[in-house]
C-alpha atoms as a PDB file:
ATOM      1  CA  UNK A   1      13.881 -29.875 -38.263  1.00  0.00           C
ATOM      2  CA  UNK A   2      11.860 -27.947 -40.828  1.00  0.00           C
ATOM      3  CA  UNK A   3      11.760 -24.141 -40.669  1.00  0.00           C
ATOM      4  CA  UNK A   4       9.931 -21.801 -43.035  1.00  0.00           C
ATOM      5  CA  UNK A   5      10.286 -18.088 -43.783  1.00  0.00           C
ATOM      6  CA  UNK A   6       8.233 -15.887 -46.105  1.00  0.00           C
ATOM      7  CA  UNK A   7       9.313 -12.627 -47.695  1.00  0.00           C
ATOM      8  CA  UNK A   8      11.261 -10.871 -50.414  1.00  0.00           C
ATOM      9  CA  UNK A   9      14.775 -11.484 -51.693  1.00  0.00           C
ATOM     10  CA  UNK A  10      16.223  -8.459 -53.469  1.00  0.00           C
ATOM     11  CA  UNK A  11      19.122  -7.653 -55.719  1.00  0.00           C
ATOM     12  CA  UNK A  12      21.653  -5.732 -53.617  1.00  0.00           C
ATOM     13  CA  UNK A  13      23.865  -3.220 -55.420  1.00  0.00           C
ATOM     14  CA  UNK A  14      26.485  -1.754 -53.094  1.00  0.00           C
ATOM     15  CA  UNK A  15      29.230   0.747 -53.736  1.00  0.00           C
ATOM     16  CA  UNK A  16      32.722  -0.809 -53.486  1.00  0.00           C
ATOM     17  CA  UNK A  17      34.456  -0.283 -50.168  1.00  0.00           C
ATOM     18  CA  UNK A  18      33.327   2.946 -48.564  1.00  0.00           C
ATOM     19  CA  UNK A  19      32.768   4.941 -51.753  1.00  0.00           C
ATOM     20  CA  UNK A  20      29.732   7.180 -52.030  1.00  0.00           C
ATOM     21  CA  UNK A  21      26.915   6.833 -54.542  1.00  0.00           C
ATOM     22  CA  UNK A  22      27.973  10.038 -56.303  1.00  0.00           C
ATOM     23  CA  UNK A  23      31.545   8.854 -56.857  1.00  0.00           C
ATOM     24  CA  UNK A  24      31.184   5.130 -57.481  1.00  0.00           C
ATOM     25  CA  UNK A  25      31.833   3.812 -60.996  1.00  0.00           C
ATOM     26  CA  UNK A  26      30.458   0.326 -60.306  1.00  0.00           C
ATOM     27  CA  UNK A  27      28.387  -1.745 -57.898  1.00  0.00           C
ATOM     28  CA  UNK A  28      29.088  -5.003 -56.115  1.00  0.00           C
ATOM     29  CA  UNK A  29      26.228  -7.440 -56.752  1.00  0.00           C
ATOM     30  CA  UNK A  30      24.676  -9.855 -54.301  1.00  0.00           C
ATOM     31  CA  UNK A  31      21.216 -10.735 -52.970  1.00  0.00           C
ATOM     32  CA  UNK A  32      19.478 -10.324 -49.643  1.00  0.00           C
ATOM     33  CA  UNK A  33      16.309  -9.577 -47.745  1.00  0.00           C
ATOM     34  CA  UNK A  34      15.104 -10.027 -44.183  1.00  0.00           C
ATOM     35  CA  UNK A  35      13.454 -13.429 -44.316  1.00  0.00           C
ATOM     36  CA  UNK A  36      15.814 -14.729 -46.994  1.00  0.00           C
ATOM     37  CA  UNK A  37      18.766 -13.853 -44.765  1.00  0.00           C
ATOM     38  CA  UNK A  38      17.161 -15.828 -41.938  1.00  0.00           C
ATOM     39  CA  UNK A  39      16.523 -18.827 -44.204  1.00  0.00           C
ATOM     40  CA  UNK A  40      20.166 -18.929 -45.346  1.00  0.00           C
ATOM     41  CA  UNK A  41      21.521 -18.768 -41.809  1.00  0.00           C
ATOM     42  CA  UNK A  42      19.177 -21.501 -40.590  1.00  0.00           C
ATOM     43  CA  UNK A  43      20.282 -23.773 -43.424  1.00  0.00           C
ATOM     44  CA  UNK A  44      23.860 -23.107 -42.349  1.00  0.00           C
ATOM     45  CA  UNK A  45      23.008 -24.300 -38.846  1.00  0.00           C
ATOM     46  CA  UNK A  46      21.836 -27.631 -40.253  1.00  0.00           C
ATOM     47  CA  UNK A  47      18.094 -27.011 -40.296  1.00  0.00           C
ATOM     48  CA  UNK A  48      15.772 -27.916 -43.182  1.00  0.00           C
ATOM     49  CA  UNK A  49      15.124 -24.408 -44.459  1.00  0.00           C
ATOM     50  CA  UNK A  50      12.348 -23.328 -46.841  1.00  0.00           C
ATOM     51  CA  UNK A  51      11.750 -19.870 -48.288  1.00  0.00           C
ATOM     52  CA  UNK A  52       8.293 -18.817 -49.539  1.00  0.00           C
ATOM     53  CA  UNK A  53       8.304 -16.008 -52.087  1.00  0.00           C
ATOM     54  CA  UNK A  54       7.672 -15.040 -55.704  1.00  0.00           C
ATOM     55  CA  UNK A  55      10.314 -14.294 -58.320  1.00  0.00           C
ATOM     56  CA  UNK A  56      10.255 -13.658 -62.092  1.00  0.00           C
ATOM     57  CA  UNK A  57      11.268 -16.373 -64.519  1.00  0.00           C
ATOM     58  CA  UNK A  58      13.942 -14.208 -66.154  1.00  0.00           C
ATOM     59  CA  UNK A  59      17.677 -14.510 -65.470  1.00  0.00           C
ATOM     60  CA  UNK A  60      17.791 -12.114 -62.500  1.00  0.00           C
ATOM     61  CA  UNK A  61      14.977 -13.998 -60.812  1.00  0.00           C
ATOM     62  CA  UNK A  62      16.766 -17.276 -61.488  1.00  0.00           C
ATOM     63  CA  UNK A  63      20.004 -15.836 -60.140  1.00  0.00           C
ATOM     64  CA  UNK A  64      18.237 -15.017 -56.861  1.00  0.00           C
ATOM     65  CA  UNK A  65      16.910 -18.578 -56.675  1.00  0.00           C
ATOM     66  CA  UNK A  66      20.357 -19.967 -57.408  1.00  0.00           C
ATOM     67  CA  UNK A  67      21.816 -17.810 -54.649  1.00  0.00           C
ATOM     68  CA  UNK A  68      19.434 -19.396 -52.131  1.00  0.00           C
ATOM     69  CA  UNK A  69      20.103 -22.911 -53.424  1.00  0.00           C
ATOM     70  CA  UNK A  70      23.850 -22.322 -53.110  1.00  0.00           C
ATOM     71  CA  UNK A  71      23.463 -22.015 -49.356  1.00  0.00           C
ATOM     72  CA  UNK A  72      21.075 -24.927 -48.877  1.00  0.00           C
ATOM     73  CA  UNK A  73      17.666 -23.205 -48.885  1.00  0.00           C
ATOM     74  CA  UNK A  74      14.806 -25.061 -50.600  1.00  0.00           C
ATOM     75  CA  UNK A  75      13.029 -23.170 -53.381  1.00  0.00           C
ATOM     76  CA  UNK A  76      10.088 -25.600 -53.492  1.00  0.00           C
ATOM     77  CA  UNK A  77       7.629 -22.881 -52.428  1.00  0.00           C
ATOM     78  CA  UNK A  78       9.018 -20.024 -54.496  1.00  0.00           C
ATOM     79  CA  UNK A  79       6.339 -19.142 -57.049  1.00  0.00           C
ATOM     80  CA  UNK A  80       7.673 -18.051 -60.441  1.00  0.00           C
ATOM     81  CA  UNK A  81       6.017 -15.070 -62.094  1.00  0.00           C
ATOM     82  CA  UNK A  82       5.813 -11.298 -62.158  1.00  0.00           C
ATOM     83  CA  UNK A  83       8.235  -8.940 -63.852  1.00  0.00           C
ATOM     84  CA  UNK A  84      10.530  -7.392 -61.277  1.00  0.00           C
ATOM     85  CA  UNK A  85      13.079  -8.341 -58.656  1.00  0.00           C
ATOM     86  CA  UNK A  86      13.236  -5.624 -56.021  1.00  0.00           C
ATOM     87  CA  UNK A  87      16.530  -3.747 -55.805  1.00  0.00           C
ATOM     88  CA  UNK A  88      18.232  -1.911 -53.006  1.00  0.00           C
ATOM     89  CA  UNK A  89      21.298   0.260 -53.311  1.00  0.00           C
ATOM     90  CA  UNK A  90      23.713   0.433 -50.375  1.00  0.00           C
ATOM     91  CA  UNK A  91      26.372   2.999 -49.550  1.00  0.00           C
ATOM     92  CA  UNK A  92      28.394   1.723 -46.579  1.00  0.00           C
ATOM     93  CA  UNK A  93      29.179   4.391 -44.017  1.00  0.00           C
ATOM     94  CA  UNK A  94      32.268   4.834 -41.882  1.00  0.00           C
ATOM     95  CA  UNK A  95      33.033   6.638 -38.648  1.00  0.00           C
ATOM     96  CA  UNK A  96      30.471   9.446 -38.243  1.00  0.00           C
ATOM     97  CA  UNK A  97      29.063   9.035 -41.782  1.00  0.00           C
ATOM     98  CA  UNK A  98      26.076   6.655 -41.702  1.00  0.00           C
ATOM     99  CA  UNK A  99      25.259   4.021 -44.282  1.00  0.00           C
ATOM    100  CA  UNK A 100      22.516   4.871 -46.769  1.00  0.00           C
ATOM    101  CA  UNK A 101      19.947   2.652 -48.477  1.00  0.00           C
ATOM    102  CA  UNK A 102      17.861   3.533 -51.531  1.00  0.00           C
ATOM    103  CA  UNK A 103      14.974   1.190 -52.434  1.00  0.00           C
ATOM    104  CA  UNK A 104      13.729   0.401 -55.922  1.00  0.00           C
ATOM    105  CA  UNK A 105      11.265  -2.320 -55.018  1.00  0.00           C
ATOM    106  CA  UNK A 106       7.843  -1.038 -56.112  1.00  0.00           C
ATOM    107  CA  UNK A 107       5.855  -3.644 -58.053  1.00  0.00           C
ATOM    108  CA  UNK A 108       8.319  -6.419 -57.275  1.00  0.00           C
ATOM    109  CA  UNK A 109       6.965  -9.896 -57.993  1.00  0.00           C
ATOM    110  CA  UNK A 110       6.557 -10.740 -54.307  1.00  0.00           C
ATOM    111  CA  UNK A 111       4.057  -7.872 -53.868  1.00  0.00           C
ATOM    112  CA  UNK A 112       1.652  -9.812 -56.106  1.00  0.00           C
ATOM    113  CA  UNK A 113       1.998 -13.152 -54.281  1.00  0.00           C
ATOM    114  CA  UNK A 114      -1.469 -14.230 -53.138  1.00  0.00           C
ATOM    115  CA  UNK A 115      -2.332 -17.038 -50.687  1.00  0.00           C
ATOM    116  CA  UNK A 116      -3.949 -18.906 -53.578  1.00  0.00           C
ATOM    117  CA  UNK A 117      -0.696 -19.076 -55.550  1.00  0.00           C
ATOM    118  CA  UNK A 118       1.274 -21.051 -52.982  1.00  0.00           C
ATOM    119  CA  UNK A 119       0.229 -24.176 -51.080  1.00  0.00           C
ATOM    120  CA  UNK A 120       0.637 -22.769 -47.580  1.00  0.00           C
ATOM    121  CA  UNK A 121      -0.684 -25.932 -45.952  1.00  0.00           C
ATOM    122  CA  UNK A 122       2.021 -27.986 -47.678  1.00  0.00           C
ATOM    123  CA  UNK A 123       4.651 -25.372 -46.901  1.00  0.00           C
ATOM    124  CA  UNK A 124       3.864 -25.541 -43.178  1.00  0.00           C
ATOM    125  CA  UNK A 125       3.347 -29.304 -42.974  1.00  0.00           C
ATOM    126  CA  UNK A 126       5.801 -30.717 -40.445  1.00  0.00           C
ATOM    127  CA  UNK A 127       7.349 -27.307 -39.790  1.00  0.00           C
ATOM    128  CA  UNK A 128       8.681 -26.584 -36.313  1.00  0.00           C
ATOM    129  CA  UNK A 129       8.976 -22.855 -36.932  1.00  0.00           C
ATOM    130  CA  UNK A 130       7.641 -20.097 -39.201  1.00  0.00           C
ATOM    131  CA  UNK A 131       9.279 -16.663 -39.358  1.00  0.00           C
ATOM    132  CA  UNK A 132       8.321 -13.391 -40.985  1.00  0.00           C
ATOM    133  CA  UNK A 133       9.214  -9.727 -40.498  1.00  0.00           C
ATOM    134  CA  UNK A 134       7.390  -6.420 -40.509  1.00  0.00           C
ATOM    135  CA  UNK A 135       9.001  -5.603 -43.844  1.00  0.00           C
ATOM    136  CA  UNK A 136       6.820  -7.904 -45.953  1.00  0.00           C
ATOM    137  CA  UNK A 137       3.430  -6.606 -44.705  1.00  0.00           C
ATOM    138  CA  UNK A 138       4.701  -3.096 -45.529  1.00  0.00           C
ATOM    139  CA  UNK A 139       4.905  -4.024 -49.219  1.00  0.00           C
ATOM    140  CA  UNK A 140       1.149  -3.714 -49.775  1.00  0.00           C
ATOM    141  CA  UNK A 141      -2.297  -5.128 -49.104  1.00  0.00           C
ATOM    142  CA  UNK A 142      -1.682  -8.360 -51.034  1.00  0.00           C
ATOM    143  CA  UNK A 143       1.517  -9.046 -49.129  1.00  0.00           C
ATOM    144  CA  UNK A 144      -0.254  -8.349 -45.825  1.00  0.00           C
ATOM    145  CA  UNK A 145      -2.970 -10.864 -46.672  1.00  0.00           C
ATOM    146  CA  UNK A 146      -0.446 -13.527 -47.679  1.00  0.00           C
ATOM    147  CA  UNK A 147       1.609 -13.075 -44.506  1.00  0.00           C
ATOM    148  CA  UNK A 148      -1.531 -13.308 -42.367  1.00  0.00           C
ATOM    149  CA  UNK A 149      -2.708 -16.491 -44.073  1.00  0.00           C
ATOM    150  CA  UNK A 150       0.773 -18.005 -43.799  1.00  0.00           C
ATOM    151  CA  UNK A 151       0.866 -17.297 -40.061  1.00  0.00           C
ATOM    152  CA  UNK A 152      -2.554 -18.896 -39.654  1.00  0.00           C
ATOM    153  CA  UNK A 153      -1.442 -21.967 -41.617  1.00  0.00           C
ATOM    154  CA  UNK A 154       1.680 -22.238 -39.473  1.00  0.00           C
ATOM    155  CA  UNK A 155      -0.328 -22.102 -36.249  1.00  0.00           C
ATOM    156  CA  UNK A 156      -2.742 -24.719 -37.606  1.00  0.00           C
ATOM    157  CA  UNK A 157       0.253 -26.960 -38.354  1.00  0.00           C
ATOM    158  CA  UNK A 158       1.545 -26.588 -34.799  1.00  0.00           C
ATOM    159  CA  UNK A 159       4.579 -24.474 -35.673  1.00  0.00           C
ATOM    160  CA  UNK A 160       6.005 -21.758 -33.483  1.00  0.00           C
ATOM    161  CA  UNK A 161       5.593 -18.368 -35.181  1.00  0.00           C
ATOM    162  CA  UNK A 162       8.119 -15.565 -34.785  1.00  0.00           C
ATOM    163  CA  UNK A 163       8.098 -12.007 -36.068  1.00  0.00           C
ATOM    164  CA  UNK A 164      10.955  -9.516 -36.231  1.00  0.00           C
ATOM    165  CA  UNK A 165       9.088  -6.198 -36.281  1.00  0.00           C
ATOM    166  CA  UNK A 166      11.654  -4.421 -38.525  1.00  0.00           C
ATOM    167  CA  UNK A 167      10.013  -1.016 -39.025  1.00  0.00           C
ATOM    168  CA  UNK A 168      11.049   0.649 -42.297  1.00  0.00           C
ATOM    169  CA  UNK A 169      10.029   4.315 -42.549  1.00  0.00           C
ATOM    170  CA  UNK A 170      10.703   4.330 -46.298  1.00  0.00           C
ATOM    171  CA  UNK A 171       7.962   1.709 -46.763  1.00  0.00           C
ATOM    172  CA  UNK A 172       5.119   2.954 -44.546  1.00  0.00           C
ATOM    173  CA  UNK A 173       4.059   5.360 -41.817  1.00  0.00           C
ATOM    174  CA  UNK A 174       3.844   4.667 -38.104  1.00  0.00           C
ATOM    175  CA  UNK A 175       0.034   4.691 -38.249  1.00  0.00           C
ATOM    176  CA  UNK A 176       0.004   2.222 -41.135  1.00  0.00           C
ATOM    177  CA  UNK A 177       2.482  -0.034 -39.359  1.00  0.00           C
ATOM    178  CA  UNK A 178       0.508  -0.128 -36.125  1.00  0.00           C
ATOM    179  CA  UNK A 179      -2.793  -0.728 -37.914  1.00  0.00           C
ATOM    180  CA  UNK A 180      -1.278  -3.837 -39.504  1.00  0.00           C
ATOM    181  CA  UNK A 181       1.255  -5.147 -37.001  1.00  0.00           C
ATOM    182  CA  UNK A 182      -0.813  -5.003 -33.829  1.00  0.00           C
ATOM    183  CA  UNK A 183      -3.518  -7.367 -35.209  1.00  0.00           C
ATOM    184  CA  UNK A 184      -0.826  -9.648 -36.685  1.00  0.00           C
ATOM    185  CA  UNK A 185       0.601 -10.206 -33.197  1.00  0.00           C
ATOM    186  CA  UNK A 186      -2.400 -12.448 -32.485  1.00  0.00           C
ATOM    187  CA  UNK A 187      -0.610 -15.154 -34.480  1.00  0.00           C
ATOM    188  CA  UNK A 188       2.885 -14.591 -33.044  1.00  0.00           C
ATOM    189  CA  UNK A 189       4.579 -16.619 -30.301  1.00  0.00           C
ATOM    190  CA  UNK A 190       8.035 -15.019 -30.313  1.00  0.00           C
ATOM    191  CA  UNK A 191       8.457 -11.290 -30.899  1.00  0.00           C
ATOM    192  CA  UNK A 192      11.842  -9.834 -31.853  1.00  0.00           C
ATOM    193  CA  UNK A 193      12.356  -6.076 -31.791  1.00  0.00           C
ATOM    194  CA  UNK A 194      14.560  -3.145 -31.038  1.00  0.00           C
ATOM    195  CA  UNK A 195      13.436   0.024 -29.285  1.00  0.00           C
ATOM    196  CA  UNK A 196      12.391   1.835 -32.476  1.00  0.00           C
ATOM    197  CA  UNK A 197      10.494  -1.171 -33.862  1.00  0.00           C
ATOM    198  CA  UNK A 198       8.467  -1.576 -30.686  1.00  0.00           C
ATOM    199  CA  UNK A 199       7.601   2.117 -30.694  1.00  0.00           C
ATOM    200  CA  UNK A 200       6.763   2.510 -34.392  1.00  0.00           C
ATOM    201  CA  UNK A 201       5.039  -0.864 -34.957  1.00  0.00           C
ATOM    202  CA  UNK A 202       3.304  -1.444 -31.627  1.00  0.00           C
ATOM    203  CA  UNK A 203       3.277   1.950 -29.894  1.00  0.00           C
ATOM    204  CA  UNK A 204       5.336   0.801 -26.900  1.00  0.00           C
ATOM    205  CA  UNK A 205       8.472   2.590 -25.703  1.00  0.00           C
ATOM    206  CA  UNK A 206      11.685   1.780 -23.813  1.00  0.00           C
ATOM    207  CA  UNK A 207      12.122   4.439 -21.164  1.00  0.00           C
ATOM    208  CA  UNK A 208      14.663   7.173 -21.844  1.00  0.00           C
ATOM    209  CA  UNK A 209      16.713   5.420 -24.532  1.00  0.00           C
ATOM    210  CA  UNK A 210      17.964   7.596 -27.405  1.00  0.00           C
ATOM    211  CA  UNK A 211      17.700   5.509 -30.588  1.00  0.00           C
ATOM    212  CA  UNK A 212      20.188   7.788 -32.363  1.00  0.00           C
ATOM    213  CA  UNK A 213      22.833   7.682 -29.646  1.00  0.00           C
ATOM    214  CA  UNK A 214      24.743   5.273 -27.469  1.00  0.00           C
ATOM    215  CA  UNK A 215      22.784   5.685 -24.237  1.00  0.00           C
ATOM    216  CA  UNK A 216      20.770   2.651 -23.173  1.00  0.00           C
ATOM    217  CA  UNK A 217      18.142   2.650 -20.434  1.00  0.00           C
ATOM    218  CA  UNK A 218      18.441  -1.021 -19.476  1.00  0.00           C
ATOM    219  CA  UNK A 219      15.664  -0.819 -16.893  1.00  0.00           C
ATOM    220  CA  UNK A 220      13.441   0.647 -19.615  1.00  0.00           C
ATOM    221  CA  UNK A 221      14.179  -2.292 -21.911  1.00  0.00           C
ATOM    222  CA  UNK A 222      13.365  -4.778 -19.178  1.00  0.00           C
ATOM    223  CA  UNK A 223      10.051  -3.049 -18.580  1.00  0.00           C
ATOM    224  CA  UNK A 224       9.393  -2.921 -22.326  1.00  0.00           C
ATOM    225  CA  UNK A 225       9.895  -6.684 -22.627  1.00  0.00           C
ATOM    226  CA  UNK A 226       7.469  -7.231 -19.770  1.00  0.00           C
ATOM    227  CA  UNK A 227       4.888  -4.865 -21.287  1.00  0.00           C
ATOM    228  CA  UNK A 228       5.089  -6.521 -24.695  1.00  0.00           C
ATOM    229  CA  UNK A 229       4.670  -9.950 -23.171  1.00  0.00           C
ATOM    230  CA  UNK A 230       1.670  -8.874 -21.112  1.00  0.00           C
ATOM    231  CA  UNK A 231      -0.012  -6.916 -23.908  1.00  0.00           C
ATOM    232  CA  UNK A 232       0.226  -9.597 -26.598  1.00  0.00           C
ATOM    233  CA  UNK A 233       0.618 -12.801 -24.564  1.00  0.00           C
ATOM    234  CA  UNK A 234       3.850 -13.749 -26.345  1.00  0.00           C
ATOM    235  CA  UNK A 235       5.706 -16.875 -25.286  1.00  0.00           C
ATOM    236  CA  UNK A 236       8.957 -14.939 -25.594  1.00  0.00           C
ATOM    237  CA  UNK A 237      10.187 -11.422 -26.312  1.00  0.00           C
ATOM    238  CA  UNK A 238      13.721 -10.672 -27.491  1.00  0.00           C
ATOM    239  CA  UNK A 239      15.007  -7.121 -27.710  1.00  0.00           C
ATOM    240  CA  UNK A 240      18.302  -6.253 -29.377  1.00  0.00           C
ATOM    241  CA  UNK A 241      20.370  -3.475 -27.816  1.00  0.00           C
ATOM    242  CA  UNK A 242      22.617  -1.505 -30.138  1.00  0.00           C
ATOM    243  CA  UNK A 243      24.902   1.233 -28.841  1.00  0.00           C
ATOM    244  CA  UNK A 244      25.817   3.302 -31.897  1.00  0.00           C
ATOM    245  CA  UNK A 245      29.039   5.120 -31.127  1.00  0.00           C
ATOM    246  CA  UNK A 246      29.595   5.570 -34.872  1.00  0.00           C
ATOM    247  CA  UNK A 247      28.855   3.787 -38.153  1.00  0.00           C
ATOM    248  CA  UNK A 248      32.008   1.729 -37.579  1.00  0.00           C
ATOM    249  CA  UNK A 249      31.808   1.056 -33.840  1.00  0.00           C
ATOM    250  CA  UNK A 250      28.793  -0.441 -32.072  1.00  0.00           C
ATOM    251  CA  UNK A 251      28.040  -2.140 -28.809  1.00  0.00           C
ATOM    252  CA  UNK A 252      25.761  -5.163 -29.238  1.00  0.00           C
ATOM    253  CA  UNK A 253      23.722  -7.253 -26.790  1.00  0.00           C
ATOM    254  CA  UNK A 254      20.140  -8.391 -26.214  1.00  0.00           C
ATOM    255  CA  UNK A 255      17.467  -9.118 -23.636  1.00  0.00           C
ATOM    256  CA  UNK A 256      15.227 -12.211 -23.581  1.00  0.00           C
ATOM    257  CA  UNK A 257      12.028 -12.714 -21.615  1.00  0.00           C
ATOM    258  CA  UNK A 258      10.284 -16.077 -21.972  1.00  0.00           C
ATOM    259  CA  UNK A 259       7.966 -18.558 -20.262  1.00  0.00           C
ATOM    260  CA  UNK A 260      10.502 -21.361 -19.883  1.00  0.00           C
ATOM    261  CA  UNK A 261      13.706 -20.317 -18.128  1.00  0.00           C
ATOM    262  CA  UNK A 262      13.574 -16.523 -17.935  1.00  0.00           C
ATOM    263  CA  UNK A 263      10.833 -15.518 -15.509  1.00  0.00           C
ATOM    264  CA  UNK A 264      12.412 -12.078 -15.565  1.00  0.00           C
ATOM    265  CA  UNK A 265      14.221 -10.656 -18.615  1.00  0.00           C
ATOM    266  CA  UNK A 266      17.920 -11.527 -18.799  1.00  0.00           C
ATOM    267  CA  UNK A 267      20.669  -9.703 -20.689  1.00  0.00           C
ATOM    268  CA  UNK A 268      23.274 -11.382 -22.850  1.00  0.00           C
ATOM    269  CA  UNK A 269      26.988 -10.861 -23.085  1.00  0.00           C
ATOM    270  CA  UNK A 270      27.808  -7.460 -24.603  1.00  0.00           C
ATOM    271  CA  UNK A 271      30.080  -7.343 -27.657  1.00  0.00           C
ATOM    272  CA  UNK A 272      32.121  -4.355 -28.805  1.00  0.00           C
ATOM    273  CA  UNK A 273      32.044  -4.589 -32.626  1.00  0.00           C
ATOM    274  CA  UNK A 274      34.147  -2.931 -35.299  1.00  0.00           C
ATOM    275  CA  UNK A 275      31.568  -2.985 -38.072  1.00  0.00           C
ATOM    276  CA  UNK A 276      32.306  -4.394 -41.524  1.00  0.00           C
ATOM    277  CA  UNK A 277      28.666  -4.628 -42.706  1.00  0.00           C
ATOM    278  CA  UNK A 278      25.776  -4.246 -40.281  1.00  0.00           C
ATOM    279  CA  UNK A 279      23.077  -4.978 -42.871  1.00  0.00           C
ATOM    280  CA  UNK A 280      21.505  -8.280 -41.864  1.00  0.00           C
ATOM    281  CA  UNK A 281      22.637  -7.929 -38.259  1.00  0.00           C
ATOM    282  CA  UNK A 282      19.097  -8.144 -36.937  1.00  0.00           C
ATOM    283  CA  UNK A 283      18.267 -11.046 -39.249  1.00  0.00           C
ATOM    284  CA  UNK A 284      21.299 -12.944 -37.992  1.00  0.00           C
ATOM    285  CA  UNK A 285      20.092 -12.393 -34.435  1.00  0.00           C
ATOM    286  CA  UNK A 286      16.637 -13.690 -35.357  1.00  0.00           C
ATOM    287  CA  UNK A 287      18.013 -16.790 -37.089  1.00  0.00           C
ATOM    288  CA  UNK A 288      20.397 -17.404 -34.202  1.00  0.00           C
ATOM    289  CA  UNK A 289      17.545 -17.152 -31.719  1.00  0.00           C
ATOM    290  CA  UNK A 290      15.368 -19.532 -33.739  1.00  0.00           C
ATOM    291  CA  UNK A 291      18.198 -22.065 -34.043  1.00  0.00           C
ATOM    292  CA  UNK A 292      19.094 -21.627 -30.397  1.00  0.00           C
ATOM    293  CA  UNK A 293      15.540 -22.146 -29.145  1.00  0.00           C
ATOM    294  CA  UNK A 294      15.193 -25.238 -31.346  1.00  0.00           C
ATOM    295  CA  UNK A 295      18.620 -26.738 -30.669  1.00  0.00           C
ATOM    296  CA  UNK A 296      19.629 -25.597 -27.171  1.00  0.00           C
ATOM    297  CA  UNK A 297      18.265 -26.982 -23.904  1.00  0.00           C
ATOM    298  CA  UNK A 298      18.520 -23.670 -22.054  1.00  0.00           C
ATOM    299  CA  UNK A 299      16.960 -20.466 -23.384  1.00  0.00           C
ATOM    300  CA  UNK A 300      19.783 -18.418 -21.896  1.00  0.00           C
ATOM    301  CA  UNK A 301      22.147 -20.420 -24.102  1.00  0.00           C
ATOM    302  CA  UNK A 302      19.822 -19.697 -27.028  1.00  0.00           C
ATOM    303  CA  UNK A 303      20.118 -15.968 -26.347  1.00  0.00           C
ATOM    304  CA  UNK A 304      23.914 -16.140 -26.156  1.00  0.00           C
ATOM    305  CA  UNK A 305      23.977 -18.087 -29.425  1.00  0.00           C
ATOM    306  CA  UNK A 306      21.812 -15.458 -31.125  1.00  0.00           C
ATOM    307  CA  UNK A 307      23.914 -12.508 -29.972  1.00  0.00           C
ATOM    308  CA  UNK A 308      27.188 -14.229 -30.865  1.00  0.00           C
ATOM    309  CA  UNK A 309      25.838 -15.138 -34.308  1.00  0.00           C
ATOM    310  CA  UNK A 310      24.836 -11.563 -34.952  1.00  0.00           C
ATOM    311  CA  UNK A 311      28.157 -10.252 -33.703  1.00  0.00           C
ATOM    312  CA  UNK A 312      29.944 -12.435 -36.246  1.00  0.00           C
ATOM    313  CA  UNK A 313      27.602 -11.406 -39.097  1.00  0.00           C
ATOM    314  CA  UNK A 314      28.506  -7.764 -38.669  1.00  0.00           C
ATOM    315  CA  UNK A 315      32.094  -8.670 -39.611  1.00  0.00           C
ATOM    316  CA  UNK A 316      31.012 -10.245 -42.944  1.00  0.00           C
ATOM    317  CA  UNK A 317      30.260  -8.325 -46.168  1.00  0.00           C
ATOM    318  CA  UNK A 318      26.838  -8.995 -47.652  1.00  0.00           C
ATOM    319  CA  UNK A 319      23.411  -9.726 -46.208  1.00  0.00           C
ATOM    320  CA  UNK A 320      23.951 -13.393 -45.346  1.00  0.00           C
ATOM    321  CA  UNK A 321      25.457 -14.718 -42.127  1.00  0.00           C
ATOM    322  CA  UNK A 322      27.892 -17.256 -43.549  1.00  0.00           C
ATOM    323  CA  UNK A 323      29.094 -18.822 -40.301  1.00  0.00           C
ATOM    324  CA  UNK A 324      28.912 -22.316 -38.880  1.00  0.00           C
ATOM    325  CA  UNK A 325      27.244 -23.400 -35.675  1.00  0.00           C
ATOM    326  CA  UNK A 326      30.695 -24.357 -34.320  1.00  0.00           C
ATOM    327  CA  UNK A 327      32.011 -20.838 -34.926  1.00  0.00           C
ATOM    328  CA  UNK A 328      29.056 -19.298 -33.124  1.00  0.00           C
ATOM    329  CA  UNK A 329      29.333 -21.748 -30.229  1.00  0.00           C
ATOM    330  CA  UNK A 330      33.034 -20.903 -29.872  1.00  0.00           C
ATOM    331  CA  UNK A 331      32.332 -17.171 -29.593  1.00  0.00           C
ATOM    332  CA  UNK A 332      29.393 -17.718 -27.247  1.00  0.00           C
ATOM    333  CA  UNK A 333      31.685 -19.814 -25.045  1.00  0.00           C
ATOM    334  CA  UNK A 334      34.095 -16.881 -24.751  1.00  0.00           C
ATOM    335  CA  UNK A 335      36.577 -17.353 -27.611  1.00  0.00           C
ATOM    336  CA  UNK A 336      36.490 -13.835 -29.018  1.00  0.00           C
ATOM    337  CA  UNK A 337      40.217 -13.324 -29.502  1.00  0.00           C
ATOM    338  CA  UNK A 338      40.093 -13.375 -33.306  1.00  0.00           C
ATOM    339  CA  UNK A 339      43.331 -15.366 -33.410  1.00  0.00           C
ATOM    340  CA  UNK A 340      44.174 -17.052 -36.715  1.00  0.00           C
ATOM    341  CA  UNK A 341      42.731 -20.571 -36.886  1.00  0.00           C
ATOM    342  CA  UNK A 342      45.437 -22.965 -38.108  1.00  0.00           C
END
């Protein structure tokens, strides 16, 4: 089954271990980015995964392409051009010290990608699914236009379209996000969000939940899922629930509300996670949900697959969720002991 994502892949420079920016003498190098992370995970689940983007022809751009190829993602629709690969710097937090991200992504090649540069009709031909996030439209007017045209092409090709709202306050304001994201929802079938995303991107809130604490208002989330579905006529709404006890210790679960099996929103198994690297946790949920909805007969099973996949990702350094479908199925079935596999 063919799946397509569109977005930016960045150079990730992270401080070793838990060192701070001001003390680190070196950076660990890898690559990542919302939609790229989803594409890699979907390839790992055995799907035919394509990534639409734009990267320079120089060695850093080629290294990013090679990184995607390494994990089975097709680069057929990656346009080559521009001068910059976006960079983000990561300082991994611990205990009560949060992680920090610094972006250096202005004028990255992907911000200049126009709909005319890539054959969107060919990219979407035969696709079962197209996924994008709210990060790419935040990169500028050109990126917004390309995402919109890609979503239209996907719908014309008969693909299901999903969006992970992914609000980033360092990229745009709440007003800018809502002015862009609300109209984009016209093209979206499956909406993925957390409580802050729904508030900042769509202006819809989840009861009394404190996004900076560990208190969840489950009834508020259920009502939020219903409101989102009614307001935008989504086929399905998935909301991730993170209980942040500290940077190192999170509770993790999700709610799904769809037209097929979940007439009322249902909640997944809750996992208690000792965090190794939470970057990409939401992307691993999105990719798990896409794979689950495509490969599972029951949407409740799809939700459990997505949450288990994301739980595992947060134990893996780097942006990518480098797990197999069998490993995710085992955790979703209840094998969370962590015993050595011999």
